[in-house]
Structure formats: structure tokens, C-alpha cells
Amino acid sequence: MTSTDLFSTRIQKNFDDDQVEILAILEANIKKPLKLINYYKGIPLSYPATIASISRGVVDLDVQEMQAFTIEQARSTFIRSPLFKHDLFAQAQYVNVRKRAATFVKFSYVEIMAERRSFVRVEVDAPVNVAITSSQGVVEGRLTDLSLSGFGVVIDYTCPLETGVETTAQFTLLSPETGQPIPISIPATLVTINGDRSPYSYRFAINPEKLLERQISQYVFQRQVEIIREVKEIVS
């Protein structure tokens, strides 16, 4: 899951003019706190940040340590403030987790599309093989992420699946809490295909029945706990 999967640009004038406007507003309100948002393995982490300095299109921020780690992973962040009608996206030029400092450039207006999701989407913790069965046969791939409403699969070769096709997906999760296998077999509808070359990303929609819903919900919750614990342990 990359940062570009998470947002859509909301250009107001053009990129250069928008950036000039953003920097001017930040410079005029240098003491106003900001809120940063990053997604790590599907989980949003959001903490306050303060402006340390602004010079020549470069903004230095004092940030929380866990936020700094997620910024370092993504090399970017989202910024939210009542100063702006839209959220901001900025690229990280420099990050120091221990010093809780980050430097940003290339600011733009965006909408965080990930916030529109009805359910939390988490990345799986280890490679998970998936078999996708349709009327055209079986396609094999790797599960990348999972939520109560869908999942992502990476496939290394072109295949005959087209958007809208009804399939059955079969894969086995490992419980983050117990390590026990959780076999999943579920109807899934292909909704999007992305990628100009291998590997290709396929996204499927699901509507699980109660038993599967409970199993997937427990897995997603346990993965959230595991991911947050992972970040805390890394920065401690």
C-alpha cells in the first residue's frame, strides 16, 4: 500500500501557486499546532506537530516519535489544520526519529480517500497465498491486505479476470494472537485492477456471512494491536 493509494489531489489553482499559498499561510501562523496523519500497514497514526522553522519552501516540524517513524517509512505525511479548507500532502526531505524532527517540501491540497473507507484495512503480516476461482479457472496470487469489505491481491502474471467477475477466494490466515490457522473461503467480486506491468494489483469486494465476519473482524483487530505494538517497540 503506497501513499498514492490513500489520497486524491485537490488542486485549487495549479501546483506551484497552491504551494506558495500553503507556505504563506503556514508562515503567517507559525505558532499554530498542526495534526499529522500517516498510515502504517493500513493503520492511521495521528499526533500533533509544531512548526520549528520555514525557509525557502522548506518546513521543519517538531513531531511525535511514533509519527516520525511512520513518516520515515512513507517519506511523506498528511497535514490537517483549520487554517486550510483541504488536508495537505507533503514529501519528507529529512526525518530523524530520535530527535523527533522532520523536514517537508512539495506541499499540495488533497483529500484523504482512506478516511472514506467503512472498515479498517490492514496489511497481512506474512505472505499469504490466495486461490481465486471463477468460471474461467483458478488464478493464484498473494494476499496484501484485508478488511471486512474487501481485500487486495498481487498477481505476477496477466490473467483473464475482468472487473465485475464473481469469484470464490480461498486463503489461510494465521491468528496474530495464537498463531492458529484461520481457513477462509469466501465469495468475492473483482472491483479494480491496477498496474501497467507485473505484478498487478487486484482489489476484491466481499460481504462475509456472520461466522466469516467474526473471524475476519478478530484478525483485523489483532493485526491493529500487533501493528501499534510493533511501532512502539521500534521507537522505544
Protein backbone atom coordinates (compact mmCIF):
# COMPACT_ATOMS: atom_id res chain seq x y z
CA MET A 1 0.00 0.00 0.00
CA THR A 2 1.60 3.25 -1.14
CA SER A 3 0.75 6.81 -0.15
CA THR A 4 -0.76 7.46 -3.58
CA ASP A 5 -3.37 4.78 -2.84
CA LEU A 6 -4.53 6.84 0.12
CA PHE A 7 -5.38 10.23 -1.34
CA SER A 8 -6.63 12.22 -4.29
CA THR A 9 -5.19 15.63 -5.20
CA ARG A 10 -7.41 18.71 -4.90
CA ILE A 11 -5.57 21.32 -6.97
CA GLN A 12 -7.10 24.77 -6.46
CA LYS A 13 -5.10 26.89 -8.94
CA ASN A 14 -2.05 24.93 -10.02
CA PHE A 15 0.60 23.02 -8.09
CA ASP A 16 3.08 25.91 -7.85
CA ASP A 17 0.51 28.54 -6.86
CA ASP A 18 -1.08 26.19 -4.34
CA GLN A 19 2.29 25.54 -2.74
CA VAL A 20 3.05 29.26 -2.49
CA GLU A 21 -0.33 29.80 -0.83
CA ILE A 22 0.17 26.91 1.61
CA LEU A 23 3.62 28.11 2.65
CA ALA A 24 2.38 31.69 3.11
CA ILE A 25 -0.45 30.52 5.37
CA LEU A 26 1.90 28.34 7.42
CA GLU A 27 4.43 31.16 7.77
CA ALA A 28 1.72 33.59 8.90
CA ASN A 29 0.57 31.09 11.54
CA ILE A 30 3.86 29.60 12.63
CA LYS A 31 2.77 29.09 16.24
CA LYS A 32 -0.43 27.26 15.35
CA PRO A 33 -0.26 23.49 16.01
CA LEU A 34 -0.81 21.06 13.17
CA LYS A 35 -2.06 17.48 13.12
CA LEU A 36 -0.13 14.91 11.09
CA ILE A 37 -1.65 11.72 9.71
CA ASN A 38 0.25 8.70 8.43
CA TYR A 39 -0.81 5.18 7.53
CA TYR A 40 1.46 2.33 8.58
CA LYS A 41 0.48 -1.12 7.33
CA GLY A 42 -3.04 0.22 6.93
CA ILE A 43 -3.37 1.75 10.41
CA PRO A 44 -3.71 5.55 10.74
CA LEU A 45 -1.43 7.20 13.28
CA SER A 46 -2.09 10.84 14.08
CA TYR A 47 -0.31 13.16 16.52
CA PRO A 48 0.14 16.94 16.90
CA ALA A 49 3.17 18.69 15.43
CA THR A 50 4.58 22.20 15.69
CA ILE A 51 6.44 24.32 13.18
CA ALA A 52 10.11 24.81 14.08
CA SER A 53 11.05 26.93 11.06
CA ILE A 54 10.12 27.78 7.48
CA SER A 55 12.65 28.85 4.86
CA ARG A 56 12.69 28.78 1.05
CA GLY A 57 9.84 26.35 0.67
CA VAL A 58 11.15 24.01 3.35
CA VAL A 59 9.18 23.45 6.57
CA ASP A 60 10.82 21.96 9.67
CA LEU A 61 8.44 20.32 12.13
CA ASP A 62 8.83 19.00 15.66
CA VAL A 63 6.92 15.73 15.68
CA GLN A 64 6.00 12.87 18.00
CA GLU A 65 8.40 9.91 17.89
CA MET A 66 5.92 7.32 16.59
CA GLN A 67 4.80 9.80 13.94
CA ALA A 68 8.42 10.35 12.93
CA PHE A 69 8.84 6.60 12.39
CA THR A 70 5.78 6.38 10.14
CA ILE A 71 6.93 9.47 8.22
CA GLU A 72 10.31 7.81 7.70
CA GLN A 73 8.60 4.72 6.27
CA ALA A 74 6.30 6.66 3.93
CA ARG A 75 8.70 9.55 3.16
CA SER A 76 5.63 11.79 3.36
CA THR A 77 2.79 12.89 5.62
CA PHE A 78 -0.71 14.33 5.58
CA ILE A 79 -1.28 17.60 7.44
CA ARG A 80 -4.60 18.74 8.87
CA SER A 81 -5.33 22.21 10.20
CA PRO A 82 -8.35 24.53 10.45
CA LEU A 83 -6.17 27.00 8.55
CA PHE A 84 -6.91 25.06 5.35
CA LYS A 85 -10.10 24.00 3.61
CA HIS A 86 -8.41 20.80 2.45
CA ASP A 87 -5.88 18.49 4.02
CA LEU A 88 -2.29 18.77 2.82
CA PHE A 89 0.18 16.25 1.48
CA ALA A 90 3.90 16.90 1.87
CA GLN A 91 7.02 14.97 0.94
CA ALA A 92 9.59 14.32 3.65
CA GLN A 93 13.06 15.58 2.81
CA TYR A 94 14.62 14.64 6.15
CA VAL A 95 13.47 12.61 9.16
CA ASN A 96 15.21 11.96 12.48
CA VAL A 97 13.13 9.67 14.66
CA ARG A 98 15.26 10.06 17.80
CA LYS A 99 15.35 13.85 17.54
CA ARG A 100 11.63 13.89 16.71
CA ALA A 101 12.25 16.16 13.76
CA ALA A 102 11.14 16.12 10.13
CA THR A 103 11.58 18.44 7.16
CA PHE A 104 8.97 18.73 4.41
CA VAL A 105 8.76 20.07 0.86
CA LYS A 106 6.34 19.97 -2.09
CA PHE A 107 3.04 20.77 -0.38
CA SER A 108 -0.30 20.19 -2.11
CA TYR A 109 -4.00 20.10 -1.30
CA VAL A 110 -5.52 16.61 -1.10
CA GLU A 111 -8.46 14.58 0.10
CA ILE A 112 -7.55 11.53 2.19
CA MET A 113 -9.59 8.86 0.45
CA ALA A 114 -8.62 6.24 3.03
CA GLU A 115 -10.86 8.04 5.52
CA ARG A 116 -13.87 7.21 3.34
CA ARG A 117 -13.46 3.51 3.99
CA SER A 118 -16.20 1.91 6.04
CA PHE A 119 -13.79 -0.56 7.65
CA VAL A 120 -10.15 -0.60 8.71
CA ARG A 121 -7.88 -2.20 6.10
CA VAL A 122 -4.75 -3.88 7.45
CA GLU A 123 -1.74 -5.33 5.67
CA VAL A 124 -1.19 -9.02 6.33
CA ASP A 125 1.83 -9.88 8.46
CA ALA A 126 3.33 -12.57 6.21
CA PRO A 127 2.96 -13.79 2.61
CA VAL A 128 -0.45 -15.44 2.19
CA ASN A 129 -1.19 -17.44 -0.95
CA VAL A 130 -4.64 -16.95 -2.48
CA ALA A 131 -6.54 -19.08 -4.98
CA ILE A 132 -9.17 -17.14 -6.95
CA THR A 133 -11.69 -19.43 -8.65
CA SER A 134 -14.02 -18.19 -11.39
CA SER A 135 -15.80 -19.66 -14.41
CA GLN A 136 -12.52 -19.22 -16.29
CA GLY A 137 -10.46 -21.34 -13.92
CA VAL A 138 -8.16 -20.73 -10.97
CA VAL A 139 -5.76 -17.81 -10.59
CA GLU A 140 -3.11 -17.76 -7.87
CA GLY A 141 -1.76 -14.68 -6.15
CA ARG A 142 -0.67 -13.22 -2.81
CA LEU A 143 -2.94 -11.51 -0.30
CA THR A 144 -1.71 -8.00 0.55
CA ASP A 145 -4.39 -6.55 2.83
CA LEU A 146 -7.77 -7.33 4.30
CA SER A 147 -10.85 -5.60 5.70
CA LEU A 148 -14.45 -6.56 6.39
CA SER A 149 -15.43 -5.21 2.98
CA GLY A 150 -12.64 -6.47 0.75
CA PHE A 151 -9.05 -7.49 0.17
CA GLY A 152 -6.13 -6.89 -2.15
CA VAL A 153 -4.23 -9.49 -4.16
CA VAL A 154 -0.99 -9.22 -6.11
CA ILE A 155 -0.73 -11.44 -9.20
CA ASP A 156 2.57 -11.83 -11.05
CA TYR A 157 1.11 -12.51 -14.49
CA THR A 158 -1.71 -11.32 -16.73
CA CYS A 159 -4.90 -13.31 -16.26
CA PRO A 160 -8.38 -13.36 -17.83
CA LEU A 161 -10.18 -11.85 -14.82
CA GLU A 162 -12.18 -8.70 -15.58
CA THR A 163 -13.81 -6.22 -13.22
CA GLY A 164 -17.25 -7.32 -12.09
CA VAL A 165 -16.49 -11.04 -12.27
CA GLU A 166 -17.83 -13.16 -9.42
CA THR A 167 -15.24 -15.44 -7.85
CA THR A 168 -14.50 -17.52 -4.78
CA ALA A 169 -11.33 -16.70 -2.86
CA GLN A 170 -9.56 -19.23 -0.68
CA PHE A 171 -6.68 -18.45 1.65
CA THR A 172 -5.46 -19.21 5.17
CA LEU A 173 -4.69 -16.53 7.74
CA LEU A 174 -2.60 -17.03 10.86
CA SER A 175 -4.06 -15.58 14.03
CA PRO A 176 -1.70 -12.80 15.26
CA GLU A 177 -2.70 -13.75 18.81
CA THR A 178 -2.45 -17.55 18.80
CA GLY A 179 -0.68 -18.42 15.55
CA GLN A 180 -3.50 -20.82 14.72
CA PRO A 181 -4.56 -21.13 11.05
CA ILE A 182 -7.83 -19.50 10.00
CA PRO A 183 -9.04 -21.03 6.70
CA ILE A 184 -11.10 -18.61 4.63
CA SER A 185 -13.33 -19.42 1.64
CA ILE A 186 -15.48 -16.51 0.55
CA PRO A 187 -17.35 -15.16 -2.50
CA ALA A 188 -15.59 -12.08 -3.88
CA THR A 189 -16.27 -9.60 -6.68
CA LEU A 190 -13.35 -8.09 -8.60
CA VAL A 191 -13.70 -4.29 -8.46
CA THR A 192 -10.39 -2.83 -9.69
CA ILE A 193 -7.19 -3.84 -11.49
CA ASN A 194 -4.08 -1.66 -11.23
CA GLY A 195 -0.63 -1.85 -12.76
CA ASP A 196 0.94 -1.41 -16.19
CA ARG A 197 3.30 -4.33 -15.68
CA SER A 198 3.78 -7.31 -13.38
CA PRO A 199 2.98 -7.59 -10.53
CA TYR A 200 -0.64 -6.49 -10.97
CA SER A 201 -2.86 -5.37 -8.08
CA TYR A 202 -6.40 -6.72 -7.90
CA ARG A 203 -8.99 -5.49 -5.39
CA PHE A 204 -11.98 -7.61 -4.46
CA ALA A 205 -15.16 -6.71 -2.58
CA ILE A 206 -16.67 -9.13 -0.07
CA ASN A 207 -19.79 -9.34 2.07
CA PRO A 208 -19.00 -12.06 4.62
CA GLU A 209 -21.62 -14.04 6.47
CA LYS A 210 -21.65 -13.89 10.27
CA LEU A 211 -19.07 -16.59 11.02
CA LEU A 212 -16.56 -15.29 8.48
CA GLU A 213 -17.32 -11.71 9.51
CA ARG A 214 -16.42 -12.57 13.10
CA GLN A 215 -13.22 -14.37 12.06
CA ILE A 216 -12.07 -11.55 9.79
CA SER A 217 -13.02 -8.91 12.36
CA GLN A 218 -10.96 -10.67 15.03
CA TYR A 219 -8.00 -10.97 12.67
CA VAL A 220 -8.16 -7.29 11.71
CA PHE A 221 -8.42 -6.20 15.35
CA GLN A 222 -5.49 -8.41 16.39
CA ARG A 223 -3.43 -7.06 13.49
CA GLN A 224 -4.17 -3.48 14.58
CA VAL A 225 -2.93 -4.27 18.09
CA GLU A 226 0.13 -6.02 16.66
CA ILE A 227 1.00 -3.14 14.31
CA ILE A 228 0.74 -0.50 17.05
CA ARG A 229 2.86 -2.69 19.34
CA GLU A 230 5.43 -3.06 16.57
CA VAL A 231 5.78 0.70 16.15
CA LYS A 232 6.07 1.27 19.91
CA GLU A 233 8.77 -1.38 20.23
CA ILE A 234 10.76 0.03 17.31
CA VAL A 235 10.86 3.57 18.67
CA SER A 236 11.35 2.60 22.33
